[in-house]
Amino acid sequence: MIDRPWTHFLFAVLLWTGMTPSSLADSDWQSLPPHTQQLLAPLQSRWPQLPEERRERIIKGAERWEQMSPEQRELARQRFQRWRALPPGQRSLLIERFRRFQNLPPDVRDRLRQRYEQWQKLSPEQRARLRTEWMSVPPEERQRLRENWLSKTPEQREEIRQRLRGMTAEQRRAFRRDWIERERAGKPGP
């Protein structure tokens, strides 16, 4: 049987996994494999009342959980604890962002993942400095910068990225400051 403290965790993990449907989802509880029944034991009394779509997600989540290493399971538990500690409004915001991310074209999602990996490779000091620089720009100007960036074609954005990659850190900071100043003056950005 599963430890009681993890019951809510497993239930939430299983509910949030929305993979491909499993043929087991429309089955009754007794047709589930014993190891799956053991993992999902906290749901046994409610299983018949759960919609088929939710059962599909839960079963897929159970399959993923069983394939995780102990380290991956521990990481998932830690993430879930952080999730539970978030205020409801912040959870809703994150859920909405996740849905928007899922609706992006695959190439855009891949590019965002790459950018996130690059961000993670920065030292904490570099990330803090970039956050400070960004937050020092008034919200209205940050919005204009976003709009300016999004108004560019993918080719123009890639050209700017290439230019930035060829610069030193100090040159990139100067480029960003110049771009912000141009935006403040109402002049077109790079």
Protein backbone atom coordinates (compact mmCIF):
# COMPACT_ATOMS: atom_id res chain seq x y z
CA MET A 1 0.00 0.00 0.00
CA ILE A 2 1.12 3.61 -0.63
CA ASP A 3 2.22 5.87 2.22
CA ARG A 4 -0.58 8.28 3.12
CA PRO A 5 1.51 11.50 2.77
CA TRP A 6 2.10 10.73 -0.89
CA THR A 7 -1.54 10.01 -1.74
CA HIS A 8 -2.34 13.60 -2.70
CA PHE A 9 0.95 13.91 -4.52
CA LEU A 10 0.38 10.82 -6.65
CA PHE A 11 -3.19 11.81 -7.36
CA ALA A 12 -2.14 15.27 -8.58
CA VAL A 13 0.76 13.93 -10.65
CA LEU A 14 -1.51 11.42 -12.27
CA LEU A 15 -4.21 13.98 -12.99
CA TRP A 16 -1.78 16.41 -14.59
CA THR A 17 -0.30 13.94 -17.03
CA GLY A 18 -2.24 14.13 -20.27
CA MET A 19 -0.62 11.67 -22.63
CA THR A 20 -2.15 9.34 -25.20
CA PRO A 21 -5.20 7.31 -24.12
CA SER A 22 -4.80 3.91 -22.57
CA SER A 23 -7.16 1.07 -23.34
CA LEU A 24 -7.32 0.38 -19.61
CA ALA A 25 -9.16 3.60 -18.89
CA ASP A 26 -12.57 2.29 -19.83
CA SER A 27 -11.98 -0.90 -17.87
CA ASP A 28 -13.24 -1.56 -14.41
CA TRP A 29 -10.91 -1.50 -11.44
CA GLN A 30 -10.47 -5.27 -11.38
CA SER A 31 -9.04 -5.33 -14.91
CA LEU A 32 -6.15 -3.04 -13.95
CA PRO A 33 -2.83 -4.83 -13.40
CA PRO A 34 -2.11 -5.46 -9.69
CA HIS A 35 0.87 -3.06 -9.62
CA THR A 36 -1.32 -0.30 -11.09
CA GLN A 37 -4.08 -1.05 -8.60
CA GLN A 38 -1.57 -0.75 -5.77
CA LEU A 39 -0.27 2.57 -7.07
CA LEU A 40 -3.76 3.96 -7.59
CA ALA A 41 -5.29 2.46 -4.43
CA PRO A 42 -6.31 5.89 -3.05
CA LEU A 43 -8.62 6.25 -6.07
CA GLN A 44 -10.26 2.82 -5.93
CA SER A 45 -13.53 3.93 -4.34
CA ARG A 46 -13.92 6.80 -6.84
CA TRP A 47 -12.67 4.94 -9.93
CA PRO A 48 -16.12 4.07 -11.34
CA GLN A 49 -17.26 7.71 -11.08
CA LEU A 50 -14.21 9.20 -12.80
CA PRO A 51 -14.73 10.29 -16.41
CA GLU A 52 -12.96 8.13 -18.97
CA GLU A 53 -10.65 10.97 -20.03
CA ARG A 54 -9.45 11.44 -16.46
CA ARG A 55 -8.89 7.69 -16.06
CA GLU A 56 -6.79 7.74 -19.23
CA ARG A 57 -4.61 10.51 -17.82
CA ILE A 58 -4.30 8.80 -14.46
CA ILE A 59 -3.27 5.49 -16.00
CA LYS A 60 -0.72 7.16 -18.24
CA GLY A 61 0.62 9.00 -15.22
CA ALA A 62 0.89 5.74 -13.29
CA GLU A 63 2.79 4.20 -16.19
CA ARG A 64 5.20 7.15 -16.23
CA TRP A 65 5.61 7.02 -12.44
CA GLU A 66 6.50 3.32 -12.59
CA GLN A 67 9.17 4.01 -15.22
CA MET A 68 10.84 6.77 -13.17
CA SER A 69 14.06 6.17 -11.29
CA PRO A 70 14.05 6.79 -7.54
CA GLU A 71 15.85 10.09 -8.18
CA GLN A 72 13.23 11.19 -10.69
CA ARG A 73 10.46 10.28 -8.25
CA GLU A 74 12.10 12.30 -5.48
CA LEU A 75 12.46 15.28 -7.82
CA ALA A 76 8.79 14.96 -8.75
CA ARG A 77 7.83 14.87 -5.06
CA GLN A 78 9.86 18.02 -4.40
CA ARG A 79 8.27 19.82 -7.34
CA PHE A 80 4.85 18.81 -6.15
CA GLN A 81 5.58 20.16 -2.66
CA ARG A 82 6.63 23.49 -4.20
CA TRP A 83 3.46 23.44 -6.31
CA ARG A 84 1.24 22.88 -3.27
CA ALA A 85 2.96 25.78 -1.48
CA LEU A 86 2.01 28.23 -4.26
CA PRO A 87 -0.98 30.53 -3.77
CA PRO A 88 -4.00 29.54 -5.91
CA GLY A 89 -3.65 32.63 -8.11
CA GLN A 90 -0.09 31.77 -8.98
CA ARG A 91 -1.06 28.17 -9.73
CA SER A 92 -3.78 29.40 -12.10
CA LEU A 93 -1.30 31.66 -13.84
CA LEU A 94 1.16 28.80 -14.30
CA ILE A 95 -1.56 26.49 -15.61
CA GLU A 96 -2.58 29.13 -18.16
CA ARG A 97 1.04 29.63 -19.24
CA PHE A 98 1.47 25.89 -19.61
CA ARG A 99 -1.65 25.67 -21.80
CA ARG A 100 -0.41 28.53 -23.97
CA PHE A 101 2.99 26.83 -24.25
CA GLN A 102 1.33 23.54 -25.30
CA ASN A 103 -0.56 25.39 -28.04
CA LEU A 104 2.59 26.86 -29.58
CA PRO A 105 4.00 25.32 -32.77
CA PRO A 106 6.62 22.63 -32.03
CA ASP A 107 9.51 24.70 -33.42
CA VAL A 108 8.63 27.62 -31.14
CA ARG A 109 8.39 25.29 -28.11
CA ASP A 110 11.81 23.84 -29.00
CA ARG A 111 13.32 27.30 -29.28
CA LEU A 112 11.85 28.29 -25.90
CA ARG A 113 13.26 25.13 -24.32
CA GLN A 114 16.69 25.95 -25.75
CA ARG A 115 16.50 29.48 -24.37
CA TYR A 116 15.50 28.11 -20.97
CA GLU A 117 18.48 25.74 -21.02
CA GLN A 118 20.76 28.67 -21.87
CA TRP A 119 19.27 30.65 -18.99
CA GLN A 120 19.87 27.72 -16.63
CA LYS A 121 23.54 27.61 -17.66
CA LEU A 122 24.06 31.21 -16.52
CA SER A 123 25.52 31.69 -13.07
CA PRO A 124 23.14 32.92 -10.36
CA GLU A 125 24.97 36.25 -10.46
CA GLN A 126 24.46 36.61 -14.23
CA ARG A 127 20.75 35.76 -13.90
CA ALA A 128 20.35 38.22 -11.04
CA ARG A 129 22.06 40.96 -13.04
CA LEU A 130 19.84 40.35 -16.07
CA ARG A 131 16.70 40.34 -13.90
CA THR A 132 17.80 43.60 -12.26
CA GLU A 133 18.49 45.21 -15.65
CA TRP A 134 15.11 44.08 -16.98
CA MET A 135 13.21 45.18 -13.89
CA SER A 136 14.93 48.59 -13.97
CA VAL A 137 13.08 49.28 -17.21
CA PRO A 138 9.61 50.72 -16.48
CA PRO A 139 6.73 48.31 -17.27
CA GLU A 140 5.43 50.43 -20.16
CA GLU A 141 8.85 50.38 -21.80
CA ARG A 142 9.21 46.63 -21.23
CA GLN A 143 5.88 46.19 -22.99
CA ARG A 144 7.03 48.36 -25.90
CA LEU A 145 10.25 46.33 -26.13
CA ARG A 146 8.23 43.10 -26.23
CA GLU A 147 5.95 44.53 -28.91
CA ASN A 148 8.95 45.76 -30.91
CA TRP A 149 10.55 42.31 -30.71
CA LEU A 150 7.34 40.53 -31.69
CA SER A 151 6.80 42.93 -34.59
CA LYS A 152 10.01 41.68 -36.19
CA THR A 153 9.97 38.82 -38.64
CA PRO A 154 11.54 35.51 -37.53
CA GLU A 155 14.42 36.29 -39.89
CA GLN A 156 15.00 39.71 -38.32
CA ARG A 157 14.92 38.22 -34.82
CA GLU A 158 17.41 35.53 -35.83
CA GLU A 159 19.69 38.19 -37.33
CA ILE A 160 19.62 40.11 -34.04
CA ARG A 161 20.34 36.91 -32.11
CA GLN A 162 23.31 36.19 -34.35
CA ARG A 163 24.65 39.70 -33.79
CA LEU A 164 24.27 39.29 -30.04
CA ARG A 165 26.05 35.93 -30.07
CA GLY A 166 29.06 37.55 -31.71
CA MET A 167 29.34 40.20 -29.00
CA THR A 168 31.08 40.20 -25.67
CA ALA A 169 28.95 40.44 -22.53
CA GLU A 170 29.72 44.15 -22.24
CA GLN A 171 28.82 44.77 -25.89
CA ARG A 172 25.50 42.94 -25.38
CA ARG A 173 24.70 45.08 -22.35
CA ALA A 174 25.51 48.24 -24.34
CA PHE A 175 23.34 46.97 -27.21
CA ARG A 176 20.42 46.40 -24.84
CA ARG A 177 20.86 49.81 -23.19
CA ASP A 178 20.96 51.44 -26.64
CA TRP A 179 17.83 49.57 -27.68
CA ILE A 180 16.01 50.73 -24.52
CA GLU A 181 17.14 54.32 -25.09
CA ARG A 182 15.97 54.18 -28.70
CA GLU A 183 12.59 52.89 -27.52
CA ARG A 184 12.36 55.73 -24.97
CA ALA A 185 13.10 58.23 -27.72
CA GLY A 186 10.48 56.64 -29.99
CA LYS A 187 13.06 55.55 -32.55
CA PRO A 188 12.91 52.11 -34.12
CA GLY A 189 14.99 49.42 -32.42
CA PRO A 190 17.74 47.41 -34.06
